[in-house]
Amino acid sequence: MGEIKSTLELALERTRKLSMTQDEKDEIKRQELLKKAMGLSRRYTEGHAPLREIVREIERMSDQEKIKVRKTLLHQWVETLSIESEPGEWPGV
């Protein structure tokens, strides 16, 4: 008679054939970096971390990560400023 396989053995056989594509890996890294940037933004805007601490954390990143995080932060902060005040409410306008 044939050997009866456990559920675990069957699952392992199926997952051995699966692997992530490079695009999937890149997307996961992009999402993780986006979450990190959003966390830094939140910490700064909510007053939990001074700007120098945020800059220090960014400086520890790789060059590519620094560029992406800075762009994300700039976009996030400009968007926040745009949402919080209408052009007619800006001082001097």
PDB file of N, CA and C in Angstrom:
ATOM      1  N   MET A   1       0.836  -1.187   0.000  1.00  0.00           N
ATOM      2  CA  MET A   1       0.000   0.000   0.000  1.00  0.00           C
ATOM      3  C   MET A   1       0.876   1.243   0.000  1.00  0.00           C
ATOM      4  N   GLY A   2       0.301   2.327  -0.507  1.00  0.00           N
ATOM      5  CA  GLY A   2       1.029   3.589  -0.560  1.00  0.00           C
ATOM      6  C   GLY A   2       1.136   4.233   0.810  1.00  0.00           C
ATOM      7  N   GLU A   3       2.129   5.099   0.921  1.00  0.00           N
ATOM      8  CA  GLU A   3       2.372   5.800   2.184  1.00  0.00           C
ATOM      9  C   GLU A   3       1.349   6.923   2.351  1.00  0.00           C
ATOM     10  N   ILE A   4       0.823   7.073   3.548  1.00  0.00           N
ATOM     11  CA  ILE A   4      -0.113   8.159   3.837  1.00  0.00           C
ATOM     12  C   ILE A   4       0.692   9.336   4.356  1.00  0.00           C
ATOM     13  N   LYS A   5       0.515  10.490   3.705  1.00  0.00           N
ATOM     14  CA  LYS A   5       1.280  11.681   4.078  1.00  0.00           C
ATOM     15  C   LYS A   5       0.471  12.546   5.030  1.00  0.00           C
ATOM     16  N   SER A   6       1.182  13.173   5.940  1.00  0.00           N
ATOM     17  CA  SER A   6       0.511  14.073   6.881  1.00  0.00           C
ATOM     18  C   SER A   6       0.175  15.388   6.168  1.00  0.00           C
ATOM     19  N   THR A   7      -0.695  16.127   6.787  1.00  0.00           N
ATOM     20  CA  THR A   7      -1.063  17.425   6.245  1.00  0.00           C
ATOM     21  C   THR A   7       0.154  18.327   6.141  1.00  0.00           C
ATOM     22  N   LEU A   8       1.014  18.267   7.130  1.00  0.00           N
ATOM     23  CA  LEU A   8       2.232  19.072   7.118  1.00  0.00           C
ATOM     24  C   LEU A   8       3.118  18.694   5.937  1.00  0.00           C
ATOM     25  N   GLU A   9       3.293  17.428   5.691  1.00  0.00           N
ATOM     26  CA  GLU A   9       4.116  16.972   4.564  1.00  0.00           C
ATOM     27  C   GLU A   9       3.534  17.446   3.238  1.00  0.00           C
ATOM     28  N   LEU A  10       2.227  17.378   3.105  1.00  0.00           N
ATOM     29  CA  LEU A  10       1.573  17.849   1.879  1.00  0.00           C
ATOM     30  C   LEU A  10       1.758  19.352   1.701  1.00  0.00           C
ATOM     31  N   ALA A  11       1.606  20.088   2.794  1.00  0.00           N
ATOM     32  CA  ALA A  11       1.772  21.548   2.726  1.00  0.00           C
ATOM     33  C   ALA A  11       3.203  21.913   2.360  1.00  0.00           C
ATOM     34  N   LEU A  12       4.169  21.218   2.944  1.00  0.00           N
ATOM     35  CA  LEU A  12       5.570  21.495   2.634  1.00  0.00           C
ATOM     36  C   LEU A  12       5.892  21.197   1.175  1.00  0.00           C
ATOM     37  N   GLU A  13       5.334  20.128   0.642  1.00  0.00           N
ATOM     38  CA  GLU A  13       5.553  19.814  -0.774  1.00  0.00           C
ATOM     39  C   GLU A  13       5.011  20.915  -1.670  1.00  0.00           C
ATOM     40  N   ARG A  14       3.866  21.439  -1.330  1.00  0.00           N
ATOM     41  CA  ARG A  14       3.259  22.492  -2.151  1.00  0.00           C
ATOM     42  C   ARG A  14       4.024  23.804  -2.052  1.00  0.00           C
ATOM     43  N   THR A  15       4.482  24.147  -0.858  1.00  0.00           N
ATOM     44  CA  THR A  15       5.166  25.430  -0.688  1.00  0.00           C
ATOM     45  C   THR A  15       6.591  25.413  -1.217  1.00  0.00           C
ATOM     46  N   ARG A  16       7.198  24.260  -1.341  1.00  0.00           N
ATOM     47  CA  ARG A  16       8.553  24.174  -1.925  1.00  0.00           C
ATOM     48  C   ARG A  16       8.565  24.701  -3.344  1.00  0.00           C
ATOM     49  N   LYS A  17       7.476  24.514  -4.040  1.00  0.00           N
ATOM     50  CA  LYS A  17       7.377  24.935  -5.435  1.00  0.00           C
ATOM     51  C   LYS A  17       7.119  26.438  -5.562  1.00  0.00           C
ATOM     52  N   LEU A  18       6.682  27.045  -4.478  1.00  0.00           N
ATOM     53  CA  LEU A  18       6.363  28.463  -4.505  1.00  0.00           C
ATOM     54  C   LEU A  18       7.577  29.304  -4.148  1.00  0.00           C
ATOM     55  N   SER A  19       7.750  30.374  -4.843  1.00  0.00           N
ATOM     56  CA  SER A  19       8.782  31.335  -4.476  1.00  0.00           C
ATOM     57  C   SER A  19       8.336  32.705  -4.953  1.00  0.00           C
ATOM     58  N   MET A  20       8.820  33.714  -4.275  1.00  0.00           N
ATOM     59  CA  MET A  20       8.438  35.072  -4.638  1.00  0.00           C
ATOM     60  C   MET A  20       9.248  35.551  -5.827  1.00  0.00           C
ATOM     61  N   THR A  21       8.607  36.297  -6.689  1.00  0.00           N
ATOM     62  CA  THR A  21       9.321  36.905  -7.803  1.00  0.00           C
ATOM     63  C   THR A  21      10.070  38.128  -7.280  1.00  0.00           C
ATOM     64  N   GLN A  22      11.006  38.620  -8.055  1.00  0.00           N
ATOM     65  CA  GLN A  22      11.759  39.806  -7.654  1.00  0.00           C
ATOM     66  C   GLN A  22      10.826  41.003  -7.507  1.00  0.00           C
ATOM     67  N   ASP A  23       9.821  41.102  -8.370  1.00  0.00           N
ATOM     68  CA  ASP A  23       8.850  42.195  -8.272  1.00  0.00           C
ATOM     69  C   ASP A  23       8.097  42.148  -6.946  1.00  0.00           C
ATOM     70  N   GLU A  24       7.730  40.950  -6.516  1.00  0.00           N
ATOM     71  CA  GLU A  24       7.028  40.800  -5.239  1.00  0.00           C
ATOM     72  C   GLU A  24       7.937  41.197  -4.079  1.00  0.00           C
ATOM     73  N   LYS A  25       9.200  40.787  -4.137  1.00  0.00           N
ATOM     74  CA  LYS A  25      10.155  41.155  -3.099  1.00  0.00           C
ATOM     75  C   LYS A  25      10.357  42.668  -3.062  1.00  0.00           C
ATOM     76  N   ASP A  26      10.474  43.285  -4.239  1.00  0.00           N
ATOM     77  CA  ASP A  26      10.642  44.740  -4.311  1.00  0.00           C
ATOM     78  C   ASP A  26       9.432  45.474  -3.749  1.00  0.00           C
ATOM     79  N   GLU A  27       8.245  44.944  -4.027  1.00  0.00           N
ATOM     80  CA  GLU A  27       7.022  45.565  -3.521  1.00  0.00           C
ATOM     81  C   GLU A  27       6.952  45.472  -2.003  1.00  0.00           C
ATOM     82  N   ILE A  28       7.361  44.350  -1.455  1.00  0.00           N
ATOM     83  CA  ILE A  28       7.375  44.197   0.003  1.00  0.00           C
ATOM     84  C   ILE A  28       8.346  45.199   0.620  1.00  0.00           C
ATOM     85  N   LYS A  29       9.527  45.339   0.039  1.00  0.00           N
ATOM     86  CA  LYS A  29      10.508  46.304   0.540  1.00  0.00           C
ATOM     87  C   LYS A  29       9.976  47.726   0.437  1.00  0.00           C
ATOM     88  N   ARG A  30       9.295  48.023  -0.684  1.00  0.00           N
ATOM     89  CA  ARG A  30       8.727  49.363  -0.873  1.00  0.00           C
ATOM     90  C   ARG A  30       7.676  49.659   0.188  1.00  0.00           C
ATOM     91  N   GLN A  31       6.815  48.674   0.459  1.00  0.00           N
ATOM     92  CA  GLN A  31       5.774  48.851   1.472  1.00  0.00           C
ATOM     93  C   GLN A  31       6.381  49.033   2.863  1.00  0.00           C
ATOM     94  N   GLU A  32       7.424  48.273   3.177  1.00  0.00           N
ATOM     95  CA  GLU A  32       8.082  48.408   4.482  1.00  0.00           C
ATOM     96  C   GLU A  32       8.711  49.790   4.635  1.00  0.00           C
ATOM     97  N   LEU A  33       9.340  50.277   3.569  1.00  0.00           N
ATOM     98  CA  LEU A  33       9.963  51.592   3.609  1.00  0.00           C
ATOM     99  C   LEU A  33       8.902  52.686   3.735  1.00  0.00           C
ATOM    100  N   LEU A  34       7.792  52.517   3.046  1.00  0.00           N
ATOM    101  CA  LEU A  34       6.692  53.471   3.147  1.00  0.00           C
ATOM    102  C   LEU A  34       6.152  53.520   4.572  1.00  0.00           C
ATOM    103  N   LYS A  35       5.980  52.360   5.196  1.00  0.00           N
ATOM    104  CA  LYS A  35       5.507  52.314   6.587  1.00  0.00           C
ATOM    105  C   LYS A  35       6.493  53.013   7.520  1.00  0.00           C
ATOM    106  N   LYS A  36       7.779  52.792   7.282  1.00  0.00           N
ATOM    107  CA  LYS A  36       8.800  53.428   8.110  1.00  0.00           C
ATOM    108  C   LYS A  36       8.732  54.947   7.956  1.00  0.00           C
ATOM    109  N   ALA A  37       8.616  55.415   6.721  1.00  0.00           N
ATOM    110  CA  ALA A  37       8.529  56.852   6.470  1.00  0.00           C
ATOM    111  C   ALA A  37       7.277  57.449   7.101  1.00  0.00           C
ATOM    112  N   MET A  38       6.165  56.746   7.000  1.00  0.00           N
ATOM    113  CA  MET A  38       4.920  57.243   7.588  1.00  0.00           C
ATOM    114  C   MET A  38       5.034  57.286   9.110  1.00  0.00           C
ATOM    115  N   GLY A  39       5.709  56.302   9.681  1.00  0.00           N
ATOM    116  CA  GLY A  39       5.929  56.294  11.128  1.00  0.00           C
ATOM    117  C   GLY A  39       6.788  57.466  11.571  1.00  0.00           C
ATOM    118  N   LEU A  40       7.851  57.750  10.819  1.00  0.00           N
ATOM    119  CA  LEU A  40       8.702  58.903  11.127  1.00  0.00           C
ATOM    120  C   LEU A  40       7.905  60.201  11.033  1.00  0.00           C
ATOM    121  N   SER A  41       7.096  60.306   9.989  1.00  0.00           N
ATOM    122  CA  SER A  41       6.271  61.500   9.807  1.00  0.00           C
ATOM    123  C   SER A  41       5.307  61.680  10.977  1.00  0.00           C
ATOM    124  N   ARG A  42       4.655  60.617  11.352  1.00  0.00           N
ATOM    125  CA  ARG A  42       3.693  60.668  12.457  1.00  0.00           C
ATOM    126  C   ARG A  42       4.374  61.065  13.766  1.00  0.00           C
ATOM    127  N   ARG A  43       5.543  60.459  14.020  1.00  0.00           N
ATOM    128  CA  ARG A  43       6.271  60.786  15.253  1.00  0.00           C
ATOM    129  C   ARG A  43       6.633  62.264  15.298  1.00  0.00           C
ATOM    130  N   TYR A  44       7.039  62.815  14.161  1.00  0.00           N
ATOM    131  CA  TYR A  44       7.417  64.229  14.121  1.00  0.00           C
ATOM    132  C   TYR A  44       6.193  65.143  14.244  1.00  0.00           C
ATOM    133  N   THR A  45       5.181  64.893  13.429  1.00  0.00           N
ATOM    134  CA  THR A  45       4.016  65.787  13.421  1.00  0.00           C
ATOM    135  C   THR A  45       3.214  65.729  14.721  1.00  0.00           C
ATOM    136  N   GLU A  46       3.270  64.599  15.422  1.00  0.00           N
ATOM    137  CA  GLU A  46       2.557  64.486  16.694  1.00  0.00           C
ATOM    138  C   GLU A  46       3.411  64.938  17.877  1.00  0.00           C
ATOM    139  N   GLY A  47       4.645  65.361  17.589  1.00  0.00           N
ATOM    140  CA  GLY A  47       5.502  65.903  18.637  1.00  0.00           C
ATOM    141  C   GLY A  47       6.222  64.866  19.482  1.00  0.00           C
ATOM    142  N   HIS A  48       6.271  63.630  19.011  1.00  0.00           N
ATOM    143  CA  HIS A  48       6.937  62.570  19.775  1.00  0.00           C
ATOM    144  C   HIS A  48       8.442  62.508  19.520  1.00  0.00           C
ATOM    145  N   ALA A  49       8.896  63.153  18.435  1.00  0.00           N
ATOM    146  CA  ALA A  49      10.329  63.132  18.114  1.00  0.00           C
ATOM    147  C   ALA A  49      10.695  64.456  17.452  1.00  0.00           C
ATOM    148  N   PRO A  50      11.794  65.068  17.897  1.00  0.00           N
ATOM    149  CA  PRO A  50      12.235  66.306  17.247  1.00  0.00           C
ATOM    150  C   PRO A  50      12.804  66.002  15.856  1.00  0.00           C
ATOM    151  N   LEU A  51      12.859  67.009  15.023  1.00  0.00           N
ATOM    152  CA  LEU A  51      13.334  66.839  13.661  1.00  0.00           C
ATOM    153  C   LEU A  51      14.755  66.265  13.620  1.00  0.00           C
ATOM    154  N   ARG A  52      15.614  66.691  14.529  1.00  0.00           N
ATOM    155  CA  ARG A  52      17.000  66.180  14.507  1.00  0.00           C
ATOM    156  C   ARG A  52      17.048  64.671  14.724  1.00  0.00           C
ATOM    157  N   GLU A  53      16.112  64.124  15.508  1.00  0.00           N
ATOM    158  CA  GLU A  53      16.055  62.677  15.712  1.00  0.00           C
ATOM    159  C   GLU A  53      15.596  61.967  14.438  1.00  0.00           C
ATOM    160  N   ILE A  54      14.640  62.553  13.756  1.00  0.00           N
ATOM    161  CA  ILE A  54      14.155  61.996  12.490  1.00  0.00           C
ATOM    162  C   ILE A  54      15.293  61.991  11.475  1.00  0.00           C
ATOM    163  N   VAL A  55      16.018  63.105  11.384  1.00  0.00           N
ATOM    164  CA  VAL A  55      17.149  63.206  10.457  1.00  0.00           C
ATOM    165  C   VAL A  55      18.212  62.166  10.804  1.00  0.00           C
ATOM    166  N   ARG A  56      18.485  61.985  12.068  1.00  0.00           N
ATOM    167  CA  ARG A  56      19.472  61.001  12.509  1.00  0.00           C
ATOM    168  C   ARG A  56      19.078  59.591  12.059  1.00  0.00           C
ATOM    169  N   GLU A  57      17.801  59.261  12.180  1.00  0.00           N
ATOM    170  CA  GLU A  57      17.337  57.941  11.752  1.00  0.00           C
ATOM    171  C   GLU A  57      17.464  57.770  10.241  1.00  0.00           C
ATOM    172  N   ILE A  58      17.155  58.824   9.503  1.00  0.00           N
ATOM    173  CA  ILE A  58      17.269  58.764   8.048  1.00  0.00           C
ATOM    174  C   ILE A  58      18.725  58.591   7.630  1.00  0.00           C
ATOM    175  N   GLU A  59      19.629  59.255   8.326  1.00  0.00           N
ATOM    176  CA  GLU A  59      21.053  59.178   7.977  1.00  0.00           C
ATOM    177  C   GLU A  59      21.621  57.765   8.152  1.00  0.00           C
ATOM    178  N   ARG A  60      20.996  56.940   8.953  1.00  0.00           N
ATOM    179  CA  ARG A  60      21.455  55.562   9.151  1.00  0.00           C
ATOM    180  C   ARG A  60      21.034  54.633   8.015  1.00  0.00           C
ATOM    181  N   MET A  61      20.188  55.109   7.115  1.00  0.00           N
ATOM    182  CA  MET A  61      19.672  54.281   6.023  1.00  0.00           C
ATOM    183  C   MET A  61      20.645  54.272   4.845  1.00  0.00           C
ATOM    184  N   SER A  62      20.421  53.331   3.945  1.00  0.00           N
ATOM    185  CA  SER A  62      21.219  53.293   2.715  1.00  0.00           C
ATOM    186  C   SER A  62      20.855  54.511   1.858  1.00  0.00           C
ATOM    187  N   ASP A  63      21.706  54.826   0.899  1.00  0.00           N
ATOM    188  CA  ASP A  63      21.472  56.001   0.059  1.00  0.00           C
ATOM    189  C   ASP A  63      20.132  55.945  -0.664  1.00  0.00           C
ATOM    190  N   GLN A  64      19.789  54.779  -1.214  1.00  0.00           N
ATOM    191  CA  GLN A  64      18.508  54.638  -1.911  1.00  0.00           C
ATOM    192  C   GLN A  64      17.331  54.827  -0.953  1.00  0.00           C
ATOM    193  N   GLU A  65      17.442  54.255   0.233  1.00  0.00           N
ATOM    194  CA  GLU A  65      16.373  54.388   1.224  1.00  0.00           C
ATOM    195  C   GLU A  65      16.220  55.844   1.654  1.00  0.00           C
ATOM    196  N   LYS A  66      17.333  56.536   1.855  1.00  0.00           N
ATOM    197  CA  LYS A  66      17.294  57.951   2.242  1.00  0.00           C
ATOM    198  C   LYS A  66      16.492  58.762   1.242  1.00  0.00           C
ATOM    199  N   ILE A  67      16.797  58.566  -0.037  1.00  0.00           N
ATOM    200  CA  ILE A  67      16.114  59.325  -1.090  1.00  0.00           C
ATOM    201  C   ILE A  67      14.616  59.053  -1.056  1.00  0.00           C
ATOM    202  N   LYS A  68      14.242  57.789  -0.980  1.00  0.00           N
ATOM    203  CA  LYS A  68      12.822  57.420  -0.985  1.00  0.00           C
ATOM    204  C   LYS A  68      12.101  57.938   0.249  1.00  0.00           C
ATOM    205  N   VAL A  69      12.741  57.822   1.414  1.00  0.00           N
ATOM    206  CA  VAL A  69      12.109  58.275   2.654  1.00  0.00           C
ATOM    207  C   VAL A  69      11.961  59.796   2.643  1.00  0.00           C
ATOM    208  N   ARG A  70      12.974  60.505   2.209  1.00  0.00           N
ATOM    209  CA  ARG A  70      12.886  61.975   2.152  1.00  0.00           C
ATOM    210  C   ARG A  70      11.772  62.422   1.219  1.00  0.00           C
ATOM    211  N   LYS A  71      11.666  61.798   0.059  1.00  0.00           N
ATOM    212  CA  LYS A  71      10.588  62.146  -0.882  1.00  0.00           C
ATOM    213  C   LYS A  71       9.217  61.872  -0.270  1.00  0.00           C
ATOM    214  N   THR A  72       9.108  60.725   0.400  1.00  0.00           N
ATOM    215  CA  THR A  72       7.836  60.367   1.028  1.00  0.00           C
ATOM    216  C   THR A  72       7.479  61.352   2.132  1.00  0.00           C
ATOM    217  N   LEU A  73       8.462  61.709   2.962  1.00  0.00           N
ATOM    218  CA  LEU A  73       8.219  62.671   4.040  1.00  0.00           C
ATOM    219  C   LEU A  73       7.819  64.031   3.485  1.00  0.00           C
ATOM    220  N   LEU A  74       8.538  64.491   2.483  1.00  0.00           N
ATOM    221  CA  LEU A  74       8.215  65.786   1.890  1.00  0.00           C
ATOM    222  C   LEU A  74       6.798  65.781   1.336  1.00  0.00           C
ATOM    223  N   HIS A  75       6.461  64.732   0.604  1.00  0.00           N
ATOM    224  CA  HIS A  75       5.116  64.614   0.051  1.00  0.00           C
ATOM    225  C   HIS A  75       4.066  64.598   1.166  1.00  0.00           C
ATOM    226  N   GLN A  76       4.323  63.813   2.203  1.00  0.00           N
ATOM    227  CA  GLN A  76       3.388  63.692   3.322  1.00  0.00           C
ATOM    228  C   GLN A  76       3.184  65.028   4.028  1.00  0.00           C
ATOM    229  N   TRP A  77       4.277  65.742   4.290  1.00  0.00           N
ATOM    230  CA  TRP A  77       4.170  67.002   5.014  1.00  0.00           C
ATOM    231  C   TRP A  77       3.503  68.086   4.175  1.00  0.00           C
ATOM    232  N   VAL A  78       3.793  68.140   2.885  1.00  0.00           N
ATOM    233  CA  VAL A  78       3.135  69.113   2.009  1.00  0.00           C
ATOM    234  C   VAL A  78       1.645  68.801   1.932  1.00  0.00           C
ATOM    235  N   GLU A  79       1.315  67.527   1.816  1.00  0.00           N
ATOM    236  CA  GLU A  79      -0.094  67.124   1.780  1.00  0.00           C
ATOM    237  C   GLU A  79      -0.801  67.512   3.071  1.00  0.00           C
ATOM    238  N   THR A  80      -0.143  67.302   4.203  1.00  0.00           N
ATOM    239  CA  THR A  80      -0.720  67.656   5.495  1.00  0.00           C
ATOM    240  C   THR A  80      -0.963  69.155   5.580  1.00  0.00           C
ATOM    241  N   LEU A  81       0.002  69.945   5.144  1.00  0.00           N
ATOM    242  CA  LEU A  81      -0.162  71.402   5.159  1.00  0.00           C
ATOM    243  C   LEU A  81      -1.295  71.836   4.245  1.00  0.00           C
ATOM    244  N   SER A  82      -1.418  71.217   3.091  1.00  0.00           N
ATOM    245  CA  SER A  82      -2.461  71.567   2.136  1.00  0.00           C
ATOM    246  C   SER A  82      -3.844  71.242   2.677  1.00  0.00           C
ATOM    247  N   ILE A  83      -3.953  70.141   3.386  1.00  0.00           N
ATOM    248  CA  ILE A  83      -5.246  69.722   3.938  1.00  0.00           C
ATOM    249  C   ILE A  83      -5.642  70.593   5.118  1.00  0.00           C
ATOM    250  N   GLU A  84      -4.672  70.973   5.940  1.00  0.00           N
ATOM    251  CA  GLU A  84      -4.979  71.699   7.165  1.00  0.00           C
ATOM    252  C   GLU A  84      -5.369  73.151   6.946  1.00  0.00           C
ATOM    253  N   SER A  85      -4.962  73.731   5.833  1.00  0.00           N
ATOM    254  CA  SER A  85      -5.320  75.135   5.624  1.00  0.00           C
ATOM    255  C   SER A  85      -5.674  75.379   4.170  1.00  0.00           C
ATOM    256  N   GLU A  86      -6.706  76.138   3.975  1.00  0.00           N
ATOM    257  CA  GLU A  86      -7.131  76.540   2.646  1.00  0.00           C
ATOM    258  C   GLU A  86      -6.333  77.764   2.229  1.00  0.00           C
ATOM    259  N   PRO A  87      -6.124  77.988   0.924  1.00  0.00           N
ATOM    260  CA  PRO A  87      -5.328  79.144   0.470  1.00  0.00           C
ATOM    261  C   PRO A  87      -5.794  80.477   1.025  1.00  0.00           C
ATOM    262  N   GLY A  88      -7.077  80.693   1.190  1.00  0.00           N
ATOM    263  CA  GLY A  88      -7.587  81.947   1.724  1.00  0.00           C
ATOM    264  C   GLY A  88      -7.263  82.148   3.195  1.00  0.00           C
ATOM    265  N   GLU A  89      -6.888  81.078   3.873  1.00  0.00           N
ATOM    266  CA  GLU A  89      -6.580  81.141   5.289  1.00  0.00           C
ATOM    267  C   GLU A  89      -5.096  81.374   5.553  1.00  0.00           C
ATOM    268  N   TRP A  90      -4.261  81.295   4.522  1.00  0.00           N
ATOM    269  CA  TRP A  90      -2.827  81.476   4.713  1.00  0.00           C
ATOM    270  C   TRP A  90      -2.528  82.914   5.092  1.00  0.00           C
ATOM    271  N   PRO A  91      -1.634  83.125   6.026  1.00  0.00           N
ATOM    272  CA  PRO A  91      -1.288  84.484   6.428  1.00  0.00           C
ATOM    273  C   PRO A  91      -0.688  85.268   5.258  1.00  0.00           C
ATOM    274  N   GLY A  92      -1.125  86.467   5.093  1.00  0.00           N
ATOM    275  CA  GLY A  92      -0.599  87.336   4.044  1.00  0.00           C
ATOM    276  C   GLY A  92      -1.196  87.087   2.684  1.00  0.00           C
ATOM    277  N   VAL A  93      -2.173  86.203   2.557  1.00  0.00           N
ATOM    278  CA  VAL A  93      -2.764  85.923   1.238  1.00  0.00           C
ATOM    279  C   VAL A  93      -4.131  86.532   1.179  1.00  0.00           C
TER     280      VAL A  93
END
